[in-house]
N, C-alpha and C. Protein backbone atom coordinates (compact mmCIF):
# COMPACT_ATOMS: atom_id res chain seq x y z
N MET A 1 106.46 -14.94 196.05
CA MET A 1 106.49 -13.17 195.89
C MET A 1 107.39 -13.40 195.03
N ARG A 2 107.04 -12.97 193.70
CA ARG A 2 107.76 -12.41 192.34
C ARG A 2 108.08 -11.13 191.70
N LEU A 3 108.91 -11.12 191.43
CA LEU A 3 109.99 -9.80 191.18
C LEU A 3 110.60 -9.39 189.79
N THR A 4 110.03 -8.32 189.17
CA THR A 4 110.88 -8.18 187.82
C THR A 4 112.63 -8.35 187.80
N ILE A 5 112.87 -7.70 187.01
CA ILE A 5 114.30 -7.50 187.22
C ILE A 5 114.64 -6.43 187.52
N ASP A 6 114.03 -5.31 187.16
CA ASP A 6 114.22 -4.19 187.37
C ASP A 6 114.05 -4.22 189.91
N GLU A 7 112.96 -4.43 189.55
CA GLU A 7 112.30 -4.52 191.33
C GLU A 7 113.11 -5.26 192.04
N TYR A 8 114.08 -6.51 191.47
CA TYR A 8 114.65 -7.24 192.16
C TYR A 8 116.13 -6.46 192.19
N SER A 9 116.04 -5.94 191.34
CA SER A 9 117.53 -5.42 191.13
C SER A 9 118.07 -3.64 192.37
N LYS A 10 116.33 -3.43 192.57
CA LYS A 10 116.55 -2.19 193.37
C LYS A 10 116.09 -2.60 195.05
N LYS A 11 115.81 -4.11 194.80
CA LYS A 11 115.70 -4.76 196.55
C LYS A 11 116.94 -5.39 197.57
N PHE A 12 117.48 -5.51 196.32
CA PHE A 12 118.67 -6.50 196.40
C PHE A 12 119.96 -5.85 196.27
N LYS A 13 120.35 -4.41 195.36
CA LYS A 13 121.20 -3.71 195.64
C LYS A 13 121.76 -4.69 194.52
N MET A 14 121.43 -5.04 193.73
CA MET A 14 122.24 -5.39 192.84
C MET A 14 121.93 -5.58 191.09
N SER A 15 123.47 -5.39 190.16
CA SER A 15 123.30 -4.72 189.21
C SER A 15 122.61 -5.78 188.32
N LYS A 16 121.60 -5.28 187.29
CA LYS A 16 121.14 -5.86 186.09
C LYS A 16 122.07 -6.76 185.43
N GLU A 17 123.34 -6.98 185.14
CA GLU A 17 124.09 -7.87 184.66
C GLU A 17 124.49 -8.87 185.54
N MET A 18 124.75 -8.45 187.05
CA MET A 18 124.49 -10.21 187.73
C MET A 18 123.01 -10.32 187.55
N ILE A 19 122.36 -9.90 187.65
CA ILE A 19 121.48 -10.41 187.83
C ILE A 19 120.59 -11.88 186.48
N HIS A 20 121.13 -10.72 185.13
CA HIS A 20 121.07 -11.81 184.01
C HIS A 20 121.73 -12.98 184.13
N SER A 21 123.02 -12.44 184.53
CA SER A 21 123.98 -13.85 184.47
C SER A 21 123.64 -14.83 185.20
N LYS A 22 122.74 -14.75 186.38
CA LYS A 22 122.90 -15.66 187.42
C LYS A 22 121.23 -16.47 186.62
N ILE A 23 120.53 -15.29 186.10
CA ILE A 23 119.80 -16.37 185.76
C ILE A 23 120.15 -17.53 184.45
N LYS A 24 120.95 -16.97 183.75
CA LYS A 24 121.47 -17.88 182.87
C LYS A 24 122.46 -18.93 182.84
N ASN A 25 122.65 -18.89 184.68
CA ASN A 25 122.92 -19.98 185.19
C ASN A 25 122.29 -20.95 185.45
N SER A 26 121.24 -20.67 185.82
CA SER A 26 120.70 -21.43 186.67
C SER A 26 120.48 -20.68 188.09
N LYS A 27 120.98 -20.09 188.35
CA LYS A 27 121.28 -19.30 190.37
C LYS A 27 120.16 -18.80 190.52
N ILE A 28 119.14 -18.33 190.23
CA ILE A 28 117.73 -17.78 190.73
C ILE A 28 117.26 -18.15 189.92
N ASN A 29 115.51 -18.59 191.14
CA ASN A 29 114.60 -19.40 190.64
C ASN A 29 113.98 -17.75 190.01
N HIS A 30 113.09 -18.73 188.42
CA HIS A 30 112.72 -17.50 188.12
C HIS A 30 111.54 -17.94 186.59
N ILE A 31 110.16 -17.47 185.87
CA ILE A 31 109.48 -17.92 185.59
C ILE A 31 108.83 -16.05 185.01
N ILE A 32 108.71 -17.13 182.98
CA ILE A 32 108.51 -15.85 181.75
C ILE A 32 107.20 -15.85 181.66
N GLU A 33 106.85 -15.02 181.75
CA GLU A 33 105.41 -14.41 181.39
C GLU A 33 104.69 -13.88 180.49
N ASP A 34 104.51 -13.03 179.41
CA ASP A 34 103.58 -12.82 178.61
C ASP A 34 105.50 -11.87 178.02
N LYS A 35 106.51 -12.80 177.75
CA LYS A 35 107.90 -12.61 177.95
C LYS A 35 108.34 -11.63 178.86
N ILE A 36 107.98 -11.16 179.51
CA ILE A 36 108.87 -10.82 181.14
C ILE A 36 108.97 -11.76 181.70
N THR A 37 110.22 -11.61 182.93
CA THR A 37 110.99 -12.49 183.32
C THR A 37 110.76 -12.02 185.32
N TYR A 38 110.03 -13.00 185.85
CA TYR A 38 110.13 -12.76 186.87
C TYR A 38 110.45 -13.35 187.84
N ILE A 39 111.68 -12.90 188.52
CA ILE A 39 112.47 -13.38 190.17
C ILE A 39 111.71 -14.49 190.85
N ILE A 40 111.56 -15.56 191.55
CA ILE A 40 110.53 -16.19 192.79
C ILE A 40 111.37 -15.79 193.62
N VAL A 41 110.95 -14.75 194.99
CA VAL A 41 111.40 -15.34 196.03
C VAL A 41 110.72 -15.15 197.19
N LYS A 42 111.06 -15.33 198.24
CA LYS A 42 110.76 -16.79 199.53
C LYS A 42 110.40 -15.18 200.37
N ASP A 43 109.46 -15.51 201.05
CA ASP A 43 109.21 -14.05 201.47
C ASP A 43 109.72 -15.15 203.09
N LYS A 44 110.30 -13.87 203.49
CA LYS A 44 111.27 -13.51 204.37
C LYS A 44 110.82 -13.53 205.83
N SER A 45 109.62 -13.10 205.62
CA SER A 45 109.05 -13.50 207.52
C SER A 45 108.69 -14.81 207.15
N LYS A 46 107.58 -15.07 206.22
CA LYS A 46 107.12 -16.61 206.33
C LYS A 46 108.19 -18.13 206.44
N ILE A 47 109.88 -17.60 206.32
CA ILE A 47 110.72 -18.12 206.08
C ILE A 47 111.30 -18.69 207.68
N GLU A 48 111.33 -16.85 208.12
CA GLU A 48 111.70 -17.54 209.80
C GLU A 48 110.72 -17.28 210.58
N LYS A 49 109.21 -17.67 210.01
CA LYS A 49 108.34 -18.06 211.02
C LYS A 49 108.35 -19.55 210.68
N ASN A 50 108.96 -19.89 209.59
CA ASN A 50 108.26 -21.22 209.83
C ASN A 50 110.23 -22.26 210.04
N GLU A 51 111.17 -21.50 210.25
CA GLU A 51 111.99 -22.07 211.08
C GLU A 51 112.06 -21.80 212.14
N ALA A 52 111.20 -20.67 213.15
CA ALA A 52 111.12 -21.09 214.21
C ALA A 52 110.22 -22.13 214.84
N LEU A 53 109.06 -22.17 214.04
CA LEU A 53 108.03 -23.31 214.13
C LEU A 53 109.05 -24.51 214.50
N SER A 54 109.84 -24.47 213.02
CA SER A 54 110.52 -25.74 212.98
C SER A 54 111.60 -26.29 214.34
N THR A 55 112.24 -25.03 214.83
CA THR A 55 112.62 -25.19 216.18
C THR A 55 111.72 -25.58 217.51
N ILE A 56 110.52 -24.83 217.60
CA ILE A 56 109.87 -25.88 218.45
C ILE A 56 109.65 -27.40 218.21
N VAL A 57 109.18 -27.43 217.24
CA VAL A 57 108.94 -28.87 216.83
C VAL A 57 110.16 -29.46 217.81
N GLU A 58 111.39 -29.06 216.93
CA GLU A 58 112.84 -30.29 217.37
C GLU A 58 113.04 -29.57 218.74
N LEU A 59 112.99 -28.87 219.00
CA LEU A 59 113.08 -28.88 221.05
C LEU A 59 112.37 -30.13 221.60
N LYS A 60 110.74 -29.48 221.24
CA LYS A 60 109.88 -30.75 221.80
C LYS A 60 109.01 -31.23 220.47
N PRO A 61 109.48 -31.85 220.29
CA PRO A 61 108.34 -33.03 219.56
C PRO A 61 107.29 -33.21 219.72
N LYS A 62 107.67 -33.81 221.17
CA LYS A 62 106.00 -34.24 221.62
C LYS A 62 105.29 -34.07 221.63
N LEU A 63 105.05 -32.30 222.51
CA LEU A 63 104.69 -31.75 222.61
C LEU A 63 103.73 -30.81 221.60
N LYS A 64 103.43 -30.42 221.58
CA LYS A 64 102.74 -29.48 221.42
C LYS A 64 102.52 -27.88 221.72
N PRO A 65 103.14 -27.21 220.81
CA PRO A 65 103.55 -25.77 221.20
C PRO A 65 102.36 -25.02 221.27
N THR A 66 102.29 -24.32 222.95
CA THR A 66 101.22 -23.80 223.72
C THR A 66 101.90 -22.63 223.95
N VAL A 67 100.52 -21.07 223.63
CA VAL A 67 100.57 -19.94 223.95
C VAL A 67 100.96 -19.68 224.57
N ALA A 68 102.30 -20.07 225.84
CA ALA A 68 102.56 -19.74 226.43
C ALA A 68 104.28 -19.48 225.98
N THR A 69 104.15 -20.87 225.62
CA THR A 69 105.88 -20.90 224.41
C THR A 69 106.18 -20.18 223.62
N VAL A 70 105.23 -20.16 222.00
CA VAL A 70 104.89 -18.71 221.73
C VAL A 70 104.95 -17.49 222.56
N ILE A 71 104.23 -17.03 222.99
CA ILE A 71 104.82 -15.52 223.50
C ILE A 71 106.05 -15.62 224.46
N SER A 72 107.00 -16.46 224.92
CA SER A 72 107.64 -16.18 225.17
C SER A 72 109.37 -16.20 224.28
N LEU A 73 108.61 -17.05 223.41
CA LEU A 73 110.10 -16.94 222.23
C LEU A 73 109.44 -15.85 221.69
N TYR A 74 108.75 -15.01 221.50
CA TYR A 74 108.37 -13.38 221.10
C TYR A 74 109.16 -12.50 221.88
N GLN A 75 109.06 -12.70 223.27
CA GLN A 75 109.38 -11.71 224.48
C GLN A 75 110.69 -11.86 223.79
N LYS A 76 111.49 -12.56 223.79
CA LYS A 76 112.79 -13.89 223.90
C LYS A 76 113.09 -12.49 222.51
N GLU A 77 113.00 -12.80 221.69
CA GLU A 77 113.24 -12.40 220.48
C GLU A 77 113.03 -10.91 220.31
N ASN A 78 111.65 -10.00 220.77
CA ASN A 78 111.99 -8.72 220.94
C ASN A 78 112.47 -7.66 222.10
N LEU A 79 113.56 -8.98 223.28
CA LEU A 79 114.57 -8.13 223.93
C LEU A 79 116.02 -7.71 223.21
N TYR A 80 115.73 -9.58 222.52
CA TYR A 80 117.19 -9.42 221.50
C TYR A 80 116.71 -8.07 220.46
N LEU A 81 115.83 -7.57 220.59
CA LEU A 81 115.73 -6.57 219.19
C LEU A 81 116.15 -5.08 219.78
N LYS A 82 115.57 -5.37 221.10
CA LYS A 82 115.41 -4.24 221.60
C LYS A 82 116.97 -3.35 222.26
N GLU A 83 117.21 -4.55 222.76
CA GLU A 83 118.94 -4.39 222.45
C GLU A 83 119.72 -4.24 221.99
N LYS A 84 119.68 -5.26 220.77
CA LYS A 84 119.97 -4.25 219.22
C LYS A 84 120.03 -2.97 219.06
N ILE A 85 118.65 -2.39 218.96
CA ILE A 85 118.62 -1.07 218.97
C ILE A 85 119.25 -0.40 219.67
N ILE A 86 119.76 -0.86 220.92
CA ILE A 86 120.40 0.89 221.68
C ILE A 86 121.55 0.22 221.52
N GLN A 87 122.22 -0.58 221.17
CA GLN A 87 123.99 -1.09 220.44
C GLN A 87 123.73 -0.14 219.69
N LEU A 88 123.51 0.01 218.59
CA LEU A 88 123.03 0.98 217.49
C LEU A 88 122.93 1.81 217.25
N GLU A 89 121.78 2.89 218.26
CA GLU A 89 121.48 3.40 218.80
C GLU A 89 123.72 4.51 219.98
N GLU A 90 123.96 3.57 220.50
CA GLU A 90 124.70 4.17 220.74
C GLU A 90 125.83 4.17 219.78
N LYS A 91 126.29 3.21 218.50
CA LYS A 91 127.44 3.46 217.85
C LYS A 91 126.56 4.97 216.52
N ILE A 92 125.47 5.35 216.58
CA ILE A 92 125.38 6.30 216.10
C ILE A 92 125.97 7.66 216.89
N ASP A 93 125.23 7.70 218.06
CA ASP A 93 125.90 9.09 219.17
C ASP A 93 127.09 8.85 218.93
N LYS A 94 127.64 7.53 219.36
CA LYS A 94 129.33 8.05 218.85
C LYS A 94 129.52 8.74 218.02
N LEU A 95 129.24 7.53 216.33
CA LEU A 95 129.45 8.40 215.34
C LEU A 95 129.19 10.25 214.80
N ILE A 96 128.06 10.56 215.86
CA ILE A 96 127.76 11.53 215.69
C ILE A 96 128.92 12.94 216.50
N ASP A 97 129.23 12.63 217.75
CA ASP A 97 129.80 12.88 218.81
C ASP A 97 131.52 12.99 217.91
N ASP A 98 131.76 11.77 217.06
CA ASP A 98 133.16 11.82 216.54
C ASP A 98 133.06 13.33 215.08
N LYS A 99 132.10 12.62 214.95
CA LYS A 99 132.25 13.92 213.44
C LYS A 99 131.75 15.43 214.25
N GLU A 100 130.97 15.71 215.09
CA GLU A 100 131.25 16.87 215.65
C GLU A 100 132.44 17.63 216.12
N GLN A 101 133.15 16.74 216.51
CA GLN A 101 134.30 16.90 216.92
C GLN A 101 135.67 16.99 216.30
N MET A 102 135.33 15.82 214.96
CA MET A 102 136.16 16.56 213.80
C MET A 102 135.98 17.56 213.47
N LEU A 103 134.94 18.44 213.28
CA LEU A 103 134.28 20.10 212.61
C LEU A 103 134.84 20.87 213.37
N ARG A 104 134.92 20.29 214.70
CA ARG A 104 135.43 21.68 216.02
C ARG A 104 137.03 22.09 215.39
N ASP A 105 137.36 20.28 215.03
CA ASP A 105 138.78 20.93 215.03
C ASP A 105 139.24 21.28 213.70
N GLU A 106 138.14 21.06 213.12
CA GLU A 106 139.18 21.77 211.24
C GLU A 106 138.46 23.30 211.82
N ARG A 107 137.60 23.51 212.17
CA ARG A 107 136.75 24.87 212.98
C ARG A 107 138.63 25.73 212.92
N ASP A 108 138.56 25.17 214.71
CA ASP A 108 140.52 25.67 215.03
C ASP A 108 141.09 25.81 214.38
N LYS A 109 141.48 25.00 213.08
CA LYS A 109 142.43 25.19 212.48
C LYS A 109 142.45 25.96 212.17
N ILE A 110 141.35 25.91 210.83
CA ILE A 110 141.23 27.33 210.10
C ILE A 110 141.25 28.43 211.00
N GLU A 111 140.61 28.77 211.64
CA GLU A 111 140.39 30.34 213.12
C GLU A 111 141.78 30.19 212.99
N ASP A 112 142.35 29.68 213.31
CA ASP A 112 144.51 28.93 213.86
C ASP A 112 144.71 29.67 212.51
N ILE A 113 144.77 29.28 211.48
CA ILE A 113 145.33 29.71 209.96
C ILE A 113 144.75 31.18 209.63
N TYR A 114 143.81 31.48 209.97
CA TYR A 114 143.26 33.03 209.86
C TYR A 114 144.00 34.06 210.85
N THR A 115 143.86 33.45 212.29
CA THR A 115 144.27 34.24 212.88
C THR A 115 145.76 34.72 212.76
N THR A 116 146.33 33.51 212.58
CA THR A 116 148.18 33.67 211.91
C THR A 116 148.26 34.81 210.63
N LYS A 117 147.57 34.36 209.58
CA LYS A 117 147.92 34.92 208.29
C LYS A 117 147.08 36.95 208.88
N ASP A 118 146.18 36.61 209.86
CA ASP A 118 145.37 38.57 210.11
C ASP A 118 147.24 39.38 210.63
N GLU A 119 147.96 38.11 211.80
CA GLU A 119 149.07 39.02 212.51
C GLU A 119 150.32 39.17 211.50
N GLN A 120 150.12 38.40 210.28
CA GLN A 120 151.12 38.71 209.73
C GLN A 120 151.15 39.45 208.79
N LEU A 121 149.82 39.86 207.80
CA LEU A 121 149.46 40.48 207.16
C LEU A 121 149.20 42.81 208.43
N LYS A 122 148.65 42.17 208.92
CA LYS A 122 148.77 43.52 210.22
C LYS A 122 150.21 44.27 210.46
N ASN A 123 151.29 42.96 210.75
CA ASN A 123 152.90 43.94 210.53
C ASN A 123 153.01 43.94 209.10
N ILE A 124 153.05 43.53 207.84
CA ILE A 124 153.57 44.33 207.26
C ILE A 124 152.49 44.81 206.65
N LEU A 125 151.83 45.62 207.11
CA LEU A 125 150.71 47.11 206.78
C LEU A 125 152.05 48.36 207.74
N GLU A 126 151.39 47.84 208.54
CA GLU A 126 152.20 48.76 209.63
C GLU A 126 153.98 48.58 209.43
N LEU A 127 154.76 47.83 208.75
CA LEU A 127 155.85 48.05 208.08
C LEU A 127 155.76 49.23 207.30
N ILE A 128 154.76 48.87 206.21
CA ILE A 128 154.95 49.09 205.28
C ILE A 128 154.34 51.27 205.64
N SER A 129 153.54 51.38 206.19
CA SER A 129 152.76 52.42 206.83
C SER A 129 154.45 53.57 207.26
N THR A 130 155.56 53.24 208.27
CA THR A 130 156.32 53.26 208.66
C THR A 130 157.01 53.27 208.25
N GLN A 131 156.85 53.10 206.94
CA GLN A 131 158.24 53.32 206.15
C GLN A 131 157.87 54.55 205.12
N MET A 132 156.69 54.58 204.36
CA MET A 132 155.74 55.52 203.76
C MET A 132 155.89 56.73 204.87
N ILE A 133 156.01 56.19 205.58
CA ILE A 133 155.32 57.71 206.07
C ILE A 133 156.63 58.32 206.82
N THR A 134 158.34 58.00 207.02
CA THR A 134 159.56 58.22 207.09
C THR A 134 159.85 58.83 205.51
N GLU A 135 159.47 58.13 204.46
CA GLU A 135 160.02 58.59 203.47
C GLU A 135 159.22 59.81 202.55
N GLN A 136 158.41 59.77 202.95
CA GLN A 136 157.66 61.39 203.15
C GLN A 136 158.10 62.37 203.66
N LYS A 137 158.38 62.34 205.12
CA LYS A 137 159.17 63.61 206.02
C LYS A 137 160.24 63.85 205.39
N GLU A 138 161.35 62.27 204.95
CA GLU A 138 162.93 62.87 204.63
C GLU A 138 162.00 63.69 203.27
N LEU A 139 161.13 63.80 202.34
CA LEU A 139 161.14 63.94 200.96
C LEU A 139 160.10 65.25 201.22
N GLN A 140 159.38 65.52 202.29
CA GLN A 140 158.94 67.16 202.55
C GLN A 140 159.74 67.62 202.59
N ASN A 141 161.08 67.39 204.19
CA ASN A 141 162.35 67.85 204.36
C ASN A 141 163.42 68.58 203.60
N LYS A 142 163.70 67.26 202.45
CA LYS A 142 164.10 67.74 201.20
C LYS A 142 163.06 69.03 200.97
N SER A 143 162.62 68.78 200.18
CA SER A 143 161.72 69.69 199.26
C SER A 143 161.94 71.20 199.91
N THR A 144 160.97 71.26 201.40
CA THR A 144 161.73 72.35 201.85
C THR A 144 162.84 72.99 202.31
N SER A 145 163.73 72.63 202.31
CA SER A 145 165.24 72.93 202.11
C SER A 145 165.52 73.42 200.55
N PHE A 146 165.28 72.55 199.96
CA PHE A 146 165.66 72.99 198.56
C PHE A 146 164.89 74.34 197.77
N GLN A 147 163.33 74.17 198.24
CA GLN A 147 162.37 75.04 197.71
C GLN A 147 163.77 76.77 198.81
N LEU A 148 163.53 76.16 199.79
CA LEU A 148 164.65 77.83 200.62
C LEU A 148 165.42 78.51 200.30
N ASN A 149 166.29 77.20 199.74
CA ASN A 149 167.49 77.18 199.19
C ASN A 149 167.80 78.18 197.62
N LYS A 150 166.44 77.12 197.10
CA LYS A 150 166.39 77.99 195.72
C LYS A 150 165.94 79.60 195.67
N LYS A 151 164.71 79.23 196.37
CA LYS A 151 164.07 80.63 196.58
C LYS A 151 165.33 81.94 197.02
N GLU A 152 165.79 81.54 197.91
CA GLU A 152 166.06 82.42 198.47
C GLU A 152 167.62 82.16 198.21
N GLU A 153 168.20 81.72 197.95
CA GLU A 153 169.76 81.26 198.17
C GLU A 153 170.73 81.21 198.74
N LEU A 154 170.49 80.68 200.21
CA LEU A 154 170.43 80.73 201.58
C LEU A 154 171.82 80.22 201.67
N THR A 155 172.74 81.22 202.04
CA THR A 155 173.88 80.16 202.41
C THR A 155 174.36 80.41 204.40
N GLU A 156 174.82 79.71 204.71
CA GLU A 156 174.69 78.80 206.29
C GLU A 156 175.79 79.25 207.20
N LEU A 157 175.51 80.56 207.97
CA LEU A 157 177.25 81.13 208.80
C LEU A 157 177.38 80.35 208.89
N LYS A 158 177.79 79.58 209.07
CA LYS A 158 178.89 78.62 209.77
C LYS A 158 180.06 77.59 208.36
N GLU A 159 179.22 77.64 207.83
CA GLU A 159 180.10 77.83 206.05
C GLU A 159 180.57 78.97 205.91
N TYR A 160 180.13 79.64 206.00
CA TYR A 160 180.82 81.13 205.37
C TYR A 160 181.53 81.48 206.21
N LEU A 161 181.89 81.50 207.04
CA LEU A 161 182.64 81.67 208.56
C LEU A 161 183.71 80.56 207.84
N ARG A 162 183.81 79.73 207.91
CA ARG A 162 184.79 78.85 207.47
C ARG A 162 185.76 78.81 206.18
N SER A 163 184.58 79.85 205.15
CA SER A 163 185.44 80.48 204.28
C SER A 163 185.97 81.80 203.92
N LEU A 164 185.99 82.28 205.34
CA LEU A 164 186.75 83.40 205.26
C LEU A 164 188.01 83.00 206.17
N ASP A 165 188.99 84.22 205.77
CA ASP A 165 190.76 83.62 205.94
C ASP A 165 190.43 84.59 207.35
N ILE A 166 190.03 84.06 207.99
CA ILE A 166 189.69 85.03 209.63
C ILE A 166 190.42 84.25 210.18
N GLU A 167 189.99 84.68 211.67
CA GLU A 167 191.20 83.16 213.06
C GLU A 167 189.75 82.91 213.91
N THR A 168 190.22 81.82 214.44
CA THR A 168 188.51 81.31 214.68
C THR A 168 188.20 81.78 216.05
N TYR A 169 189.20 82.70 216.85
CA TYR A 169 188.37 83.30 217.72
C TYR A 169 187.43 84.30 217.27
N GLN A 170 187.46 85.16 215.90
CA GLN A 170 187.12 85.62 214.95
C GLN A 170 185.68 85.04 214.48
N ARG A 171 185.80 83.89 214.44
CA ARG A 171 184.44 83.16 213.84
C ARG A 171 183.52 83.24 214.96
N LYS A 172 184.33 83.24 216.58
CA LYS A 172 183.56 83.07 217.42
C LYS A 172 182.76 84.47 217.72
N ILE A 173 183.01 84.99 218.11
CA ILE A 173 182.83 86.66 217.57
C ILE A 173 181.42 86.73 217.33
N ILE A 174 181.93 86.72 215.67
CA ILE A 174 180.83 87.07 214.90
C ILE A 174 179.61 85.56 215.22
N LYS A 175 179.74 84.39 215.24
CA LYS A 175 178.82 83.57 215.41
C LYS A 175 178.01 84.40 216.84
N LYS A 176 178.97 84.60 217.44
CA LYS A 176 177.89 85.18 219.36
C LYS A 176 176.82 85.94 218.89
N ARG A 177 177.37 87.38 217.89
CA ARG A 177 176.77 87.88 217.56
C ARG A 177 175.84 88.18 217.02
N PHE A 178 175.91 86.84 216.38
CA PHE A 178 174.43 86.42 215.14
C PHE A 178 173.50 85.98 215.90
N LEU A 179 173.85 84.93 217.24
CA LEU A 179 173.43 84.69 217.94
C LEU A 179 172.46 85.25 218.98
N GLU A 180 172.82 86.48 219.20
CA GLU A 180 172.13 87.37 220.05
C GLU A 180 171.33 88.19 219.55
N VAL A 181 170.75 88.11 218.16
CA VAL A 181 170.08 88.81 217.18
C VAL A 181 169.34 88.12 216.18
N TYR A 182 169.68 86.68 216.70
CA TYR A 182 168.88 86.56 215.30
C TYR A 182 167.22 86.06 215.20
N ASN A 183 166.62 86.20 216.59
CA ASN A 183 165.68 85.65 216.61
C ASN A 183 164.62 87.46 216.45
N SER A 184 165.36 88.41 216.62
CA SER A 184 164.89 89.43 216.54
C SER A 184 165.56 90.55 214.93
N ASP A 185 165.97 89.64 214.60
CA ASP A 185 166.69 90.28 213.25
C ASP A 185 166.11 89.13 212.58
N SER A 186 164.89 89.82 211.17
CA SER A 186 164.40 88.80 210.30
C SER A 186 165.30 88.60 208.81
N ARG A 187 166.82 89.61 209.05
CA ARG A 187 167.14 89.16 208.16
C ARG A 187 168.11 87.45 208.29
N ILE A 188 168.29 87.19 209.51
CA ILE A 188 168.49 85.83 210.01
C ILE A 188 167.75 84.98 209.54
N ILE A 189 168.17 83.62 208.53
CA ILE A 189 166.64 82.65 208.53
C ILE A 189 167.27 82.01 209.52
N GLN A 190 165.86 80.62 210.44
CA GLN A 190 167.07 79.47 211.26
C GLN A 190 165.98 78.68 210.95
N GLN A 191 166.81 77.33 210.69
CA GLN A 191 166.18 76.17 209.85
C GLN A 191 166.89 75.20 210.40
N ASN A 192 166.15 74.27 211.11
CA ASN A 192 166.34 72.66 211.65
C ASN A 192 167.64 72.76 212.63
N GLY A 193 167.60 74.41 213.33
CA GLY A 193 168.46 74.34 213.77
C GLY A 193 170.08 75.34 213.66
N LYS A 194 170.00 75.28 212.60
CA LYS A 194 171.38 76.31 211.57
C LYS A 194 170.88 77.58 211.52
N LEU A 195 171.95 78.76 211.24
CA LEU A 195 171.45 79.28 210.88
C LEU A 195 171.56 79.77 208.98
N PHE A 196 171.10 80.54 208.50
CA PHE A 196 171.08 80.99 207.43
C PHE A 196 171.21 82.24 206.05
N LEU A 197 172.17 82.16 206.09
CA LEU A 197 171.43 83.96 205.53
C LEU A 197 171.90 84.36 204.26
N ASN A 198 171.25 85.41 203.36
CA ASN A 198 170.80 85.48 201.88
C ASN A 198 171.54 86.84 201.34
N PHE A 199 172.84 86.33 201.09
CA PHE A 199 173.04 87.82 200.88
C PHE A 199 173.22 88.87 199.28
N ASN A 200 172.14 87.88 198.64
CA ASN A 200 171.49 88.17 197.20
C ASN A 200 169.97 89.41 197.76
N LYS A 201 170.11 89.70 198.96
CA LYS A 201 169.18 89.95 199.77
C LYS A 201 169.16 90.75 200.82
N TYR A 202 169.84 90.44 202.17
CA TYR A 202 170.77 91.41 203.01
C TYR A 202 171.75 91.73 203.60
N ASP A 203 171.92 92.71 203.38
CA ASP A 203 173.72 93.58 204.08
C ASP A 203 173.83 92.70 205.42
N TYR A 204 174.94 92.24 205.60
CA TYR A 204 175.52 91.78 206.91
C TYR A 204 176.42 92.33 207.35
N SER A 205 177.25 93.62 206.52
CA SER A 205 178.09 93.76 207.56
C SER A 205 178.10 94.03 208.51
N ASP A 206 177.55 94.46 208.26
CA ASP A 206 177.25 95.25 210.53
C ASP A 206 177.67 94.11 211.13
N LEU A 207 177.08 93.29 211.05
CA LEU A 207 176.77 91.59 211.79
C LEU A 207 178.96 91.01 211.58
N LEU A 208 179.15 91.21 210.75
CA LEU A 208 179.95 89.93 210.19
C LEU A 208 181.66 90.81 210.00
N LYS A 209 181.66 92.24 210.87
CA LYS A 209 183.01 93.29 211.13
C LYS A 209 183.67 92.54 212.28
N TYR A 210 184.49 92.51 212.08
CA TYR A 210 185.76 91.58 212.87
C TYR A 210 187.15 92.53 213.06
């Protein structure tokens, strides 16, 4: 059998540079026809067949190989090939199992990373949300207090009583008087558990007397 350099390169997985080097050094049998270089390759199947026959002849040089002998040799060869196929299939199955296990491990690893990241992100969002709600409530309370104080110019009863030059028991009497009527008296403003007065709008002389 003869092959071109391209065919020989593809069949035996050898670079063209390597082939040219071997031809140059006469390490490959070749011929040139019509300016085309052909590499002479012996038929492997014929070589193996010749070798098998040579072995038979060497083992029994005085006896001609019988049909039964040849069949026995082929059966042994087939058995050997079957064992090789089984071994290869086992190796392939093991490689597939190993590859699948690697993929499963990699998948589990990625899932663990995403789960951890999702949990961290969730905690961060919850913390930010809590802070925003707290800040919003504080701003609303401050805004409400500021607006009420600005619009109505409120004065806290407790602070006002402290500013008066009166005795402690008198302050208690006045405060008690306000507490008794604040639910029914529209002049008294209750805010965050504290009582406020608006002197610009109402007169409290009846409640502040002592």
